[in-house]
């Protein structure tokens, strides 16, 4: 009878040691640190965003989850072709669009073709250009001209540089 209790006790210690290791205090500290680091990363650095609507198809699809990297534009400003997330109002929804016009450039759209400073740009991410028309205008300082990839239904926005939350990274499940 005594032997069975010793065996059970030994087995119980085995599972505790397997879960907590030889130094339970250090294991608990590591677990706490990993949880805290994950909260910091997913709250302020890689912000999860759910794509809503069809304006960014075929790049992003309705219901898809992406990550906004808030550190992407710390060392450089957004570039043409970057997919960015921004808010038009402080507590408004996050809108995801592609940067097509940079500060100080002249932008126009003729028959669906984007003209920057009078020259057309290549947009390999588009499936169809549509019949868009947009009169030539100069993009203001610290303003970005953005639009969705599904040009048949997308809206265009002028976004202040300070309202850009980060660069979007997505993956296809």
Foldseek 3Di string as FASTA:
>chain_A
DVVVVVVVVVVVVVVVCVVCNPDNVVSVVVVVVVVVVVCCCCVAAWDKDADDDDQAPPVDDHRFIKTFGQCAPVPHADDAQFWFWFAPDPPHHIDTWGFHFDAFWKWWAAQQFIATNRHTDDDPRAPDRHGDGGDIDHQHPQWTWTWHRNNVDIDIDIHGRVGTRGTIDGDDD
